Amino acid sequence: MTHRFEHTFIVHAPLEQVAAFHYAPAAFRRLTPPLLPVQVHHAEPLADGSTTEFTLWLGPLPVRWVARHRHVGPQGFTDEQVRGPFRQWIHRHTFEPIDAHTTRVRDTIEAAFHSHPFWALVGRLIWWGQPLLFRYRAWATQQALAANPLPARTILATLFGVSLLSAAMLSILLRKARP
């Protein structure tokens, strides 16, 4: 059975800038959240047939992954898992110009889980994290290409404030739920 995930966001930058950002050698690391450690072993310049080999760390568990790129062009590319935690993984990155200064970025993933119980579990853990991962990637792309990006301390303060507010609300709800 194939599962599908799609995430779309808008970047206030021309198509050429968005594509250049994603095609840069450092893009993979810049688009990975700091709390999701990734060790890149080998990364070729993005082109048809190029590969990236990396280890994604899920806590103490190392997950080795090899992706091959294809259909590389000015409006996107596809990476396909050659070896990794899924039976199948195809990720299409599409860049669509809305106007001269705005681009729509669409990520579409089609995946199938391994039949082995361990790898099926690992695949599901990764799959369940996709919405959060791609929200981070949207934010990272928008910040990287913004004319006036937010300072890191503003972002940290916002995240810390939201975390405190969430914790306070959860505490109140839990106290009210007690018999």
N, C-alpha and C. Protein backbone atom coordinates (compact mmCIF):
# COMPACT_ATOMS: atom_id res chain seq x y z
N MET A 1 0.84 -1.18 0.00
CA MET A 1 0.00 0.00 0.00
C MET A 1 0.89 1.25 0.00
N THR A 2 0.58 2.18 -0.86
CA THR A 2 1.36 3.41 -0.97
C THR A 2 0.65 4.53 -0.21
N HIS A 3 1.42 5.26 0.58
CA HIS A 3 0.90 6.40 1.34
C HIS A 3 1.37 7.68 0.65
N ARG A 4 0.58 8.73 0.79
CA ARG A 4 0.91 9.99 0.12
C ARG A 4 0.85 11.14 1.13
N PHE A 5 1.83 12.00 1.07
CA PHE A 5 1.89 13.20 1.90
C PHE A 5 2.18 14.38 0.98
N GLU A 6 1.48 15.48 1.20
CA GLU A 6 1.74 16.68 0.40
C GLU A 6 1.76 17.90 1.31
N HIS A 7 2.72 18.76 1.06
CA HIS A 7 2.84 20.01 1.82
C HIS A 7 3.14 21.13 0.83
N THR A 8 2.41 22.23 0.94
CA THR A 8 2.57 23.37 0.04
C THR A 8 2.73 24.64 0.87
N PHE A 9 3.63 25.51 0.42
CA PHE A 9 3.78 26.81 1.07
C PHE A 9 4.22 27.84 0.04
N ILE A 10 4.11 29.09 0.42
CA ILE A 10 4.45 30.21 -0.46
C ILE A 10 5.73 30.87 0.04
N VAL A 11 6.61 31.22 -0.89
CA VAL A 11 7.84 31.93 -0.57
C VAL A 11 7.81 33.25 -1.34
N HIS A 12 8.09 34.33 -0.64
CA HIS A 12 8.13 35.65 -1.29
C HIS A 12 9.52 35.87 -1.88
N ALA A 13 9.78 35.10 -2.94
CA ALA A 13 11.05 35.18 -3.68
C ALA A 13 10.79 34.62 -5.07
N PRO A 14 11.54 35.10 -6.05
CA PRO A 14 11.36 34.59 -7.41
C PRO A 14 11.75 33.12 -7.53
N LEU A 15 11.18 32.46 -8.51
CA LEU A 15 11.43 31.04 -8.77
C LEU A 15 12.92 30.73 -8.82
N GLU A 16 13.70 31.56 -9.48
CA GLU A 16 15.13 31.29 -9.63
C GLU A 16 15.83 31.24 -8.28
N GLN A 17 15.46 32.14 -7.37
CA GLN A 17 16.08 32.15 -6.03
C GLN A 17 15.68 30.92 -5.22
N VAL A 18 14.42 30.54 -5.32
CA VAL A 18 13.93 29.37 -4.59
C VAL A 18 14.65 28.12 -5.08
N ALA A 19 14.74 27.96 -6.40
CA ALA A 19 15.44 26.80 -6.97
C ALA A 19 16.91 26.81 -6.56
N ALA A 20 17.56 27.95 -6.66
CA ALA A 20 18.98 28.04 -6.30
C ALA A 20 19.20 27.66 -4.84
N PHE A 21 18.30 28.09 -3.96
CA PHE A 21 18.41 27.74 -2.54
C PHE A 21 18.35 26.23 -2.36
N HIS A 22 17.37 25.59 -3.00
CA HIS A 22 17.21 24.14 -2.85
C HIS A 22 18.31 23.34 -3.52
N TYR A 23 18.92 23.89 -4.56
CA TYR A 23 19.97 23.16 -5.29
C TYR A 23 21.35 23.36 -4.67
N ALA A 24 21.49 24.27 -3.73
CA ALA A 24 22.78 24.54 -3.10
C ALA A 24 23.21 23.33 -2.26
N PRO A 25 24.51 23.05 -2.21
CA PRO A 25 25.00 21.89 -1.44
C PRO A 25 24.58 21.92 0.04
N ALA A 26 24.45 23.08 0.62
CA ALA A 26 24.11 23.18 2.05
C ALA A 26 22.61 23.09 2.33
N ALA A 27 21.78 23.02 1.30
CA ALA A 27 20.33 23.06 1.49
C ALA A 27 19.81 21.94 2.39
N PHE A 28 20.29 20.73 2.18
CA PHE A 28 19.79 19.58 2.95
C PHE A 28 19.95 19.83 4.45
N ARG A 29 21.11 20.30 4.84
CA ARG A 29 21.35 20.57 6.28
C ARG A 29 20.51 21.76 6.76
N ARG A 30 20.39 22.79 5.92
CA ARG A 30 19.62 23.98 6.33
C ARG A 30 18.14 23.67 6.47
N LEU A 31 17.67 22.65 5.77
CA LEU A 31 16.25 22.29 5.81
C LEU A 31 15.93 21.20 6.83
N THR A 32 16.94 20.79 7.59
CA THR A 32 16.75 19.76 8.61
C THR A 32 16.71 20.42 9.99
N PRO A 33 15.66 20.17 10.75
CA PRO A 33 15.56 20.79 12.09
C PRO A 33 16.75 20.42 12.97
N PRO A 34 17.18 21.34 13.82
CA PRO A 34 18.33 21.07 14.69
C PRO A 34 18.13 19.87 15.61
N LEU A 35 16.89 19.56 15.97
CA LEU A 35 16.64 18.44 16.88
C LEU A 35 16.56 17.10 16.15
N LEU A 36 16.79 17.10 14.85
CA LEU A 36 16.81 15.88 14.05
C LEU A 36 18.19 15.74 13.43
N PRO A 37 19.13 15.18 14.19
CA PRO A 37 20.51 15.12 13.70
C PRO A 37 20.63 14.29 12.41
N VAL A 38 21.37 14.83 11.46
CA VAL A 38 21.65 14.16 10.20
C VAL A 38 23.14 14.24 9.95
N GLN A 39 23.71 13.11 9.60
CA GLN A 39 25.12 13.04 9.26
C GLN A 39 25.21 12.73 7.77
N VAL A 40 25.71 13.68 6.97
CA VAL A 40 25.84 13.47 5.54
C VAL A 40 27.19 12.81 5.27
N HIS A 41 27.14 11.64 4.62
CA HIS A 41 28.36 10.89 4.31
C HIS A 41 28.89 11.24 2.92
N HIS A 42 27.98 11.48 2.00
CA HIS A 42 28.36 11.75 0.63
C HIS A 42 27.22 12.52 -0.04
N ALA A 43 27.55 13.63 -0.67
CA ALA A 43 26.53 14.41 -1.38
C ALA A 43 27.14 14.95 -2.66
N GLU A 44 26.58 14.52 -3.78
CA GLU A 44 27.02 15.02 -5.07
C GLU A 44 26.22 16.26 -5.42
N PRO A 45 26.76 17.13 -6.26
CA PRO A 45 25.97 18.28 -6.72
C PRO A 45 24.66 17.79 -7.36
N LEU A 46 23.59 18.49 -7.09
CA LEU A 46 22.27 18.07 -7.56
C LEU A 46 22.22 18.03 -9.08
N ALA A 47 21.99 16.84 -9.62
CA ALA A 47 21.88 16.62 -11.07
C ALA A 47 21.20 15.27 -11.27
N ASP A 48 20.69 15.04 -12.47
CA ASP A 48 20.08 13.74 -12.75
C ASP A 48 21.08 12.63 -12.46
N GLY A 49 20.67 11.68 -11.61
CA GLY A 49 21.53 10.55 -11.26
C GLY A 49 22.43 10.77 -10.07
N SER A 50 22.52 12.00 -9.55
CA SER A 50 23.37 12.24 -8.38
C SER A 50 22.77 11.57 -7.15
N THR A 51 23.63 11.30 -6.17
CA THR A 51 23.15 10.65 -4.95
C THR A 51 23.58 11.42 -3.71
N THR A 52 22.81 11.21 -2.66
CA THR A 52 23.14 11.71 -1.33
C THR A 52 23.03 10.53 -0.37
N GLU A 53 24.07 10.32 0.42
CA GLU A 53 24.07 9.26 1.43
C GLU A 53 24.17 9.92 2.79
N PHE A 54 23.25 9.54 3.69
CA PHE A 54 23.24 10.16 5.01
C PHE A 54 22.69 9.20 6.04
N THR A 55 22.93 9.55 7.31
CA THR A 55 22.34 8.84 8.44
C THR A 55 21.44 9.82 9.17
N LEU A 56 20.21 9.43 9.33
CA LEU A 56 19.22 10.18 10.09
C LEU A 56 19.16 9.54 11.47
N TRP A 57 19.33 10.34 12.50
CA TRP A 57 19.32 9.80 13.86
C TRP A 57 17.96 10.01 14.49
N LEU A 58 17.29 8.90 14.81
CA LEU A 58 16.03 8.94 15.55
C LEU A 58 16.35 8.58 16.99
N GLY A 59 16.68 9.61 17.77
CA GLY A 59 17.19 9.35 19.11
C GLY A 59 18.51 8.61 18.98
N PRO A 60 18.66 7.46 19.64
CA PRO A 60 19.92 6.71 19.54
C PRO A 60 19.99 5.80 18.30
N LEU A 61 18.92 5.74 17.53
CA LEU A 61 18.85 4.82 16.39
C LEU A 61 19.35 5.48 15.10
N PRO A 62 20.45 4.94 14.52
CA PRO A 62 20.92 5.47 13.25
C PRO A 62 20.15 4.82 12.09
N VAL A 63 19.63 5.64 11.19
CA VAL A 63 18.90 5.13 10.02
C VAL A 63 19.66 5.59 8.78
N ARG A 64 20.31 4.65 8.12
CA ARG A 64 21.11 4.96 6.93
C ARG A 64 20.18 5.09 5.73
N TRP A 65 20.46 6.08 4.86
CA TRP A 65 19.59 6.38 3.73
C TRP A 65 20.45 6.76 2.54
N VAL A 66 20.08 6.28 1.36
CA VAL A 66 20.71 6.69 0.11
C VAL A 66 19.59 7.14 -0.82
N ALA A 67 19.71 8.36 -1.33
CA ALA A 67 18.69 8.91 -2.24
C ALA A 67 19.35 9.25 -3.58
N ARG A 68 18.65 8.95 -4.66
CA ARG A 68 19.11 9.30 -6.01
C ARG A 68 18.18 10.38 -6.56
N HIS A 69 18.78 11.39 -7.19
CA HIS A 69 18.00 12.50 -7.74
C HIS A 69 17.74 12.27 -9.22
N ARG A 70 16.59 12.71 -9.65
CA ARG A 70 16.25 12.63 -11.07
C ARG A 70 15.26 13.75 -11.42
N HIS A 71 15.03 13.93 -12.69
CA HIS A 71 14.13 14.99 -13.18
C HIS A 71 14.52 16.36 -12.62
N VAL A 72 15.81 16.62 -12.55
CA VAL A 72 16.31 17.88 -12.01
C VAL A 72 16.14 18.96 -13.09
N GLY A 73 15.43 20.03 -12.73
CA GLY A 73 15.20 21.12 -13.67
C GLY A 73 14.90 22.40 -12.92
N PRO A 74 14.63 23.47 -13.64
CA PRO A 74 14.41 24.77 -12.99
C PRO A 74 13.16 24.82 -12.12
N GLN A 75 12.23 23.89 -12.32
CA GLN A 75 11.01 23.93 -11.53
C GLN A 75 10.89 22.75 -10.57
N GLY A 76 12.04 22.14 -10.23
CA GLY A 76 12.01 21.11 -9.21
C GLY A 76 12.86 19.90 -9.53
N PHE A 77 12.71 18.90 -8.70
CA PHE A 77 13.45 17.65 -8.85
C PHE A 77 12.77 16.58 -8.02
N THR A 78 13.21 15.35 -8.21
CA THR A 78 12.69 14.21 -7.45
C THR A 78 13.85 13.50 -6.80
N ASP A 79 13.66 13.10 -5.54
CA ASP A 79 14.65 12.20 -4.94
C ASP A 79 13.93 10.90 -4.60
N GLU A 80 14.61 9.82 -4.90
CA GLU A 80 14.04 8.49 -4.70
C GLU A 80 14.99 7.68 -3.84
N GLN A 81 14.42 7.04 -2.82
CA GLN A 81 15.24 6.22 -1.93
C GLN A 81 15.76 5.00 -2.69
N VAL A 82 17.08 4.82 -2.65
CA VAL A 82 17.71 3.63 -3.22
C VAL A 82 17.86 2.59 -2.11
N ARG A 83 18.22 3.08 -0.91
CA ARG A 83 18.37 2.22 0.26
C ARG A 83 17.93 3.03 1.47
N GLY A 84 17.15 2.41 2.34
CA GLY A 84 16.70 3.14 3.52
C GLY A 84 15.55 2.47 4.24
N PRO A 85 14.86 3.24 5.08
CA PRO A 85 13.86 2.68 5.98
C PRO A 85 12.51 2.35 5.34
N PHE A 86 12.32 2.70 4.08
CA PHE A 86 11.04 2.44 3.42
C PHE A 86 11.22 1.41 2.31
N ARG A 87 10.15 0.72 1.98
CA ARG A 87 10.18 -0.16 0.81
C ARG A 87 10.26 0.70 -0.44
N GLN A 88 9.55 1.85 -0.40
CA GLN A 88 9.57 2.81 -1.51
C GLN A 88 9.43 4.21 -0.93
N TRP A 89 10.16 5.16 -1.49
CA TRP A 89 10.09 6.56 -1.08
C TRP A 89 10.40 7.41 -2.30
N ILE A 90 9.43 8.16 -2.76
CA ILE A 90 9.62 9.07 -3.89
C ILE A 90 9.16 10.45 -3.42
N HIS A 91 10.08 11.41 -3.46
CA HIS A 91 9.81 12.77 -2.97
C HIS A 91 9.98 13.75 -4.13
N ARG A 92 8.89 14.37 -4.53
CA ARG A 92 8.93 15.36 -5.61
C ARG A 92 8.92 16.76 -5.00
N HIS A 93 9.89 17.56 -5.41
CA HIS A 93 10.00 18.96 -4.99
C HIS A 93 9.59 19.78 -6.22
N THR A 94 8.52 20.55 -6.11
CA THR A 94 8.04 21.32 -7.25
C THR A 94 8.01 22.80 -6.89
N PHE A 95 8.54 23.63 -7.78
CA PHE A 95 8.55 25.08 -7.59
C PHE A 95 7.71 25.70 -8.71
N GLU A 96 6.67 26.44 -8.33
CA GLU A 96 5.76 27.04 -9.32
C GLU A 96 5.75 28.55 -9.13
N PRO A 97 6.05 29.30 -10.19
CA PRO A 97 5.98 30.77 -10.04
C PRO A 97 4.52 31.22 -9.95
N ILE A 98 4.25 32.07 -8.97
CA ILE A 98 2.92 32.67 -8.85
C ILE A 98 2.93 34.01 -9.58
N ASP A 99 4.01 34.76 -9.34
CA ASP A 99 4.28 35.99 -10.08
C ASP A 99 5.80 36.17 -10.09
N ALA A 100 6.27 37.31 -10.52
CA ALA A 100 7.72 37.52 -10.65
C ALA A 100 8.46 37.48 -9.31
N HIS A 101 7.73 37.66 -8.19
CA HIS A 101 8.38 37.76 -6.88
C HIS A 101 7.88 36.72 -5.87
N THR A 102 7.06 35.78 -6.32
CA THR A 102 6.45 34.82 -5.40
C THR A 102 6.45 33.43 -6.02
N THR A 103 6.78 32.43 -5.20
CA THR A 103 6.86 31.05 -5.68
C THR A 103 6.10 30.13 -4.73
N ARG A 104 5.39 29.19 -5.30
CA ARG A 104 4.73 28.13 -4.52
C ARG A 104 5.68 26.93 -4.52
N VAL A 105 5.94 26.40 -3.33
CA VAL A 105 6.76 25.20 -3.18
C VAL A 105 5.83 24.06 -2.76
N ARG A 106 5.90 22.97 -3.50
CA ARG A 106 5.07 21.81 -3.19
C ARG A 106 5.98 20.60 -3.04
N ASP A 107 5.83 19.92 -1.90
CA ASP A 107 6.54 18.67 -1.65
C ASP A 107 5.50 17.56 -1.64
N THR A 108 5.71 16.56 -2.46
CA THR A 108 4.81 15.41 -2.54
C THR A 108 5.64 14.15 -2.32
N ILE A 109 5.22 13.36 -1.36
CA ILE A 109 5.93 12.12 -1.04
C ILE A 109 4.98 10.95 -1.19
N GLU A 110 5.45 9.94 -1.90
CA GLU A 110 4.74 8.67 -1.99
C GLU A 110 5.66 7.63 -1.36
N ALA A 111 5.13 6.90 -0.39
CA ALA A 111 5.97 5.95 0.34
C ALA A 111 5.20 4.67 0.63
N ALA A 112 5.95 3.60 0.74
CA ALA A 112 5.40 2.30 1.15
C ALA A 112 6.31 1.76 2.25
N PHE A 113 5.71 1.17 3.26
CA PHE A 113 6.46 0.65 4.39
C PHE A 113 7.00 -0.75 4.09
N HIS A 114 8.14 -1.07 4.71
CA HIS A 114 8.68 -2.42 4.63
C HIS A 114 7.73 -3.40 5.32
N SER A 115 7.81 -4.65 4.96
CA SER A 115 6.98 -5.66 5.63
C SER A 115 7.61 -6.13 6.94
N HIS A 116 8.94 -5.98 7.07
CA HIS A 116 9.61 -6.38 8.31
C HIS A 116 9.10 -5.49 9.45
N PRO A 117 8.66 -6.06 10.57
CA PRO A 117 8.06 -5.26 11.64
C PRO A 117 8.94 -4.12 12.16
N PHE A 118 10.25 -4.37 12.30
CA PHE A 118 11.13 -3.32 12.80
C PHE A 118 11.16 -2.14 11.84
N TRP A 119 11.41 -2.41 10.54
CA TRP A 119 11.50 -1.32 9.57
C TRP A 119 10.15 -0.68 9.30
N ALA A 120 9.07 -1.46 9.45
CA ALA A 120 7.73 -0.88 9.31
C ALA A 120 7.51 0.15 10.43
N LEU A 121 7.95 -0.17 11.65
CA LEU A 121 7.82 0.76 12.77
C LEU A 121 8.68 2.01 12.55
N VAL A 122 9.94 1.82 12.14
CA VAL A 122 10.82 2.96 11.88
C VAL A 122 10.21 3.85 10.80
N GLY A 123 9.73 3.24 9.73
CA GLY A 123 9.10 4.01 8.65
C GLY A 123 7.90 4.80 9.13
N ARG A 124 7.09 4.20 9.96
CA ARG A 124 5.91 4.90 10.49
C ARG A 124 6.32 6.07 11.40
N LEU A 125 7.33 5.87 12.22
CA LEU A 125 7.81 6.97 13.07
C LEU A 125 8.26 8.15 12.21
N ILE A 126 8.99 7.86 11.15
CA ILE A 126 9.43 8.93 10.25
C ILE A 126 8.22 9.55 9.56
N TRP A 127 7.30 8.73 9.11
CA TRP A 127 6.12 9.21 8.38
C TRP A 127 5.28 10.13 9.26
N TRP A 128 5.07 9.75 10.51
CA TRP A 128 4.26 10.56 11.41
C TRP A 128 4.88 11.92 11.69
N GLY A 129 6.19 12.03 11.53
CA GLY A 129 6.87 13.30 11.76
C GLY A 129 6.87 14.24 10.56
N GLN A 130 6.36 13.79 9.42
CA GLN A 130 6.42 14.60 8.20
C GLN A 130 5.74 15.97 8.32
N PRO A 131 4.54 16.07 8.89
CA PRO A 131 3.92 17.40 8.98
C PRO A 131 4.79 18.42 9.71
N LEU A 132 5.38 18.03 10.82
CA LEU A 132 6.24 18.94 11.59
C LEU A 132 7.52 19.25 10.82
N LEU A 133 8.13 18.23 10.23
CA LEU A 133 9.36 18.43 9.45
C LEU A 133 9.13 19.42 8.31
N PHE A 134 8.03 19.28 7.60
CA PHE A 134 7.81 20.15 6.45
C PHE A 134 7.34 21.54 6.85
N ARG A 135 6.74 21.68 8.02
CA ARG A 135 6.47 23.04 8.52
C ARG A 135 7.79 23.73 8.83
N TYR A 136 8.73 23.00 9.40
CA TYR A 136 10.05 23.57 9.66
C TYR A 136 10.74 23.93 8.35
N ARG A 137 10.68 23.05 7.37
CA ARG A 137 11.33 23.31 6.08
C ARG A 137 10.73 24.55 5.40
N ALA A 138 9.42 24.73 5.52
CA ALA A 138 8.79 25.92 4.95
C ALA A 138 9.34 27.16 5.65
N TRP A 139 9.38 27.13 6.98
CA TRP A 139 9.89 28.27 7.75
C TRP A 139 11.35 28.55 7.38
N ALA A 140 12.18 27.49 7.31
CA ALA A 140 13.60 27.67 7.01
C ALA A 140 13.80 28.27 5.62
N THR A 141 13.01 27.82 4.65
CA THR A 141 13.10 28.37 3.30
C THR A 141 12.68 29.83 3.28
N GLN A 142 11.57 30.13 3.93
CA GLN A 142 11.07 31.52 3.96
C GLN A 142 12.07 32.44 4.65
N GLN A 143 12.67 31.97 5.74
CA GLN A 143 13.65 32.80 6.45
C GLN A 143 14.91 33.00 5.63
N ALA A 144 15.37 31.94 4.96
CA ALA A 144 16.59 32.04 4.17
C ALA A 144 16.45 33.01 3.01
N LEU A 145 15.24 33.11 2.47
CA LEU A 145 15.02 33.95 1.29
C LEU A 145 14.32 35.27 1.59
N ALA A 146 14.03 35.51 2.87
CA ALA A 146 13.33 36.74 3.25
C ALA A 146 14.26 37.95 3.16
N ALA A 147 13.68 39.07 2.79
CA ALA A 147 14.45 40.31 2.73
C ALA A 147 14.88 40.72 4.14
N ASN A 148 14.01 40.51 5.14
CA ASN A 148 14.29 40.86 6.53
C ASN A 148 13.95 39.68 7.43
N PRO A 149 14.82 38.66 7.51
CA PRO A 149 14.51 37.50 8.34
C PRO A 149 14.45 37.87 9.82
N LEU A 150 13.67 37.09 10.57
CA LEU A 150 13.56 37.32 12.00
C LEU A 150 14.87 36.96 12.68
N PRO A 151 15.30 37.75 13.67
CA PRO A 151 16.51 37.38 14.41
C PRO A 151 16.27 36.10 15.20
N ALA A 152 17.31 35.32 15.38
CA ALA A 152 17.20 34.04 16.08
C ALA A 152 16.60 34.20 17.47
N ARG A 153 16.96 35.29 18.18
CA ARG A 153 16.44 35.46 19.55
C ARG A 153 14.92 35.65 19.54
N THR A 154 14.37 36.28 18.50
CA THR A 154 12.92 36.45 18.39
C THR A 154 12.25 35.10 18.20
N ILE A 155 12.84 34.27 17.36
CA ILE A 155 12.29 32.94 17.10
C ILE A 155 12.33 32.11 18.38
N LEU A 156 13.48 32.11 19.07
CA LEU A 156 13.60 31.35 20.31
C LEU A 156 12.62 31.84 21.37
N ALA A 157 12.49 33.15 21.47
CA ALA A 157 11.55 33.70 22.45
C ALA A 157 10.12 33.29 22.12
N THR A 158 9.77 33.29 20.84
CA THR A 158 8.43 32.88 20.43
C THR A 158 8.21 31.41 20.75
N LEU A 159 9.17 30.55 20.39
CA LEU A 159 9.03 29.13 20.66
C LEU A 159 8.96 28.87 22.16
N PHE A 160 9.82 29.54 22.94
CA PHE A 160 9.84 29.36 24.38
C PHE A 160 8.52 29.83 24.97
N GLY A 161 8.02 30.97 24.51
CA GLY A 161 6.75 31.50 25.00
C GLY A 161 5.60 30.57 24.68
N VAL A 162 5.56 30.04 23.49
CA VAL A 162 4.51 29.11 23.10
C VAL A 162 4.60 27.85 23.94
N SER A 163 5.83 27.37 24.20
CA SER A 163 6.00 26.17 25.02
C SER A 163 5.49 26.40 26.43
N LEU A 164 5.83 27.56 27.01
CA LEU A 164 5.35 27.86 28.36
C LEU A 164 3.84 27.98 28.39
N LEU A 165 3.26 28.64 27.40
CA LEU A 165 1.81 28.79 27.33
C LEU A 165 1.16 27.42 27.20
N SER A 166 1.70 26.57 26.34
CA SER A 166 1.16 25.22 26.14
C SER A 166 1.23 24.42 27.44
N ALA A 167 2.36 24.50 28.13
CA ALA A 167 2.53 23.77 29.38
C ALA A 167 1.53 24.27 30.43
N ALA A 168 1.33 25.59 30.50
CA ALA A 168 0.38 26.15 31.47
C ALA A 168 -1.04 25.69 31.14
N MET A 169 -1.40 25.71 29.87
CA MET A 169 -2.75 25.29 29.48
C MET A 169 -2.96 23.81 29.76
N LEU A 170 -1.96 22.99 29.46
CA LEU A 170 -2.05 21.56 29.71
C LEU A 170 -2.19 21.30 31.20
N SER A 171 -1.43 22.02 32.02
CA SER A 171 -1.51 21.86 33.48
C SER A 171 -2.92 22.17 33.98
N ILE A 172 -3.51 23.26 33.48
CA ILE A 172 -4.88 23.65 33.89
C ILE A 172 -5.87 22.57 33.47
N LEU A 173 -5.75 22.10 32.23
CA LEU A 173 -6.67 21.06 31.74
C LEU A 173 -6.55 19.78 32.55
N LEU A 174 -5.33 19.39 32.89
CA LEU A 174 -5.13 18.17 33.67
C LEU A 174 -5.69 18.31 35.08
N ARG A 175 -5.54 19.50 35.68
CA ARG A 175 -6.11 19.72 37.01
C ARG A 175 -7.62 19.63 36.98
N LYS A 176 -8.25 20.15 35.92
CA LYS A 176 -9.70 20.13 35.79
C LYS A 176 -10.19 18.71 35.50
N ALA A 177 -9.37 17.89 34.88
CA ALA A 177 -9.78 16.53 34.51
C ALA A 177 -9.72 15.56 35.69
N ARG A 178 -9.01 15.94 36.77
CA ARG A 178 -8.90 15.05 37.93
C ARG A 178 -10.25 14.94 38.61
N PRO A 179 -10.58 13.72 39.08
CA PRO A 179 -11.87 13.51 39.79
C PRO A 179 -11.85 14.10 41.18
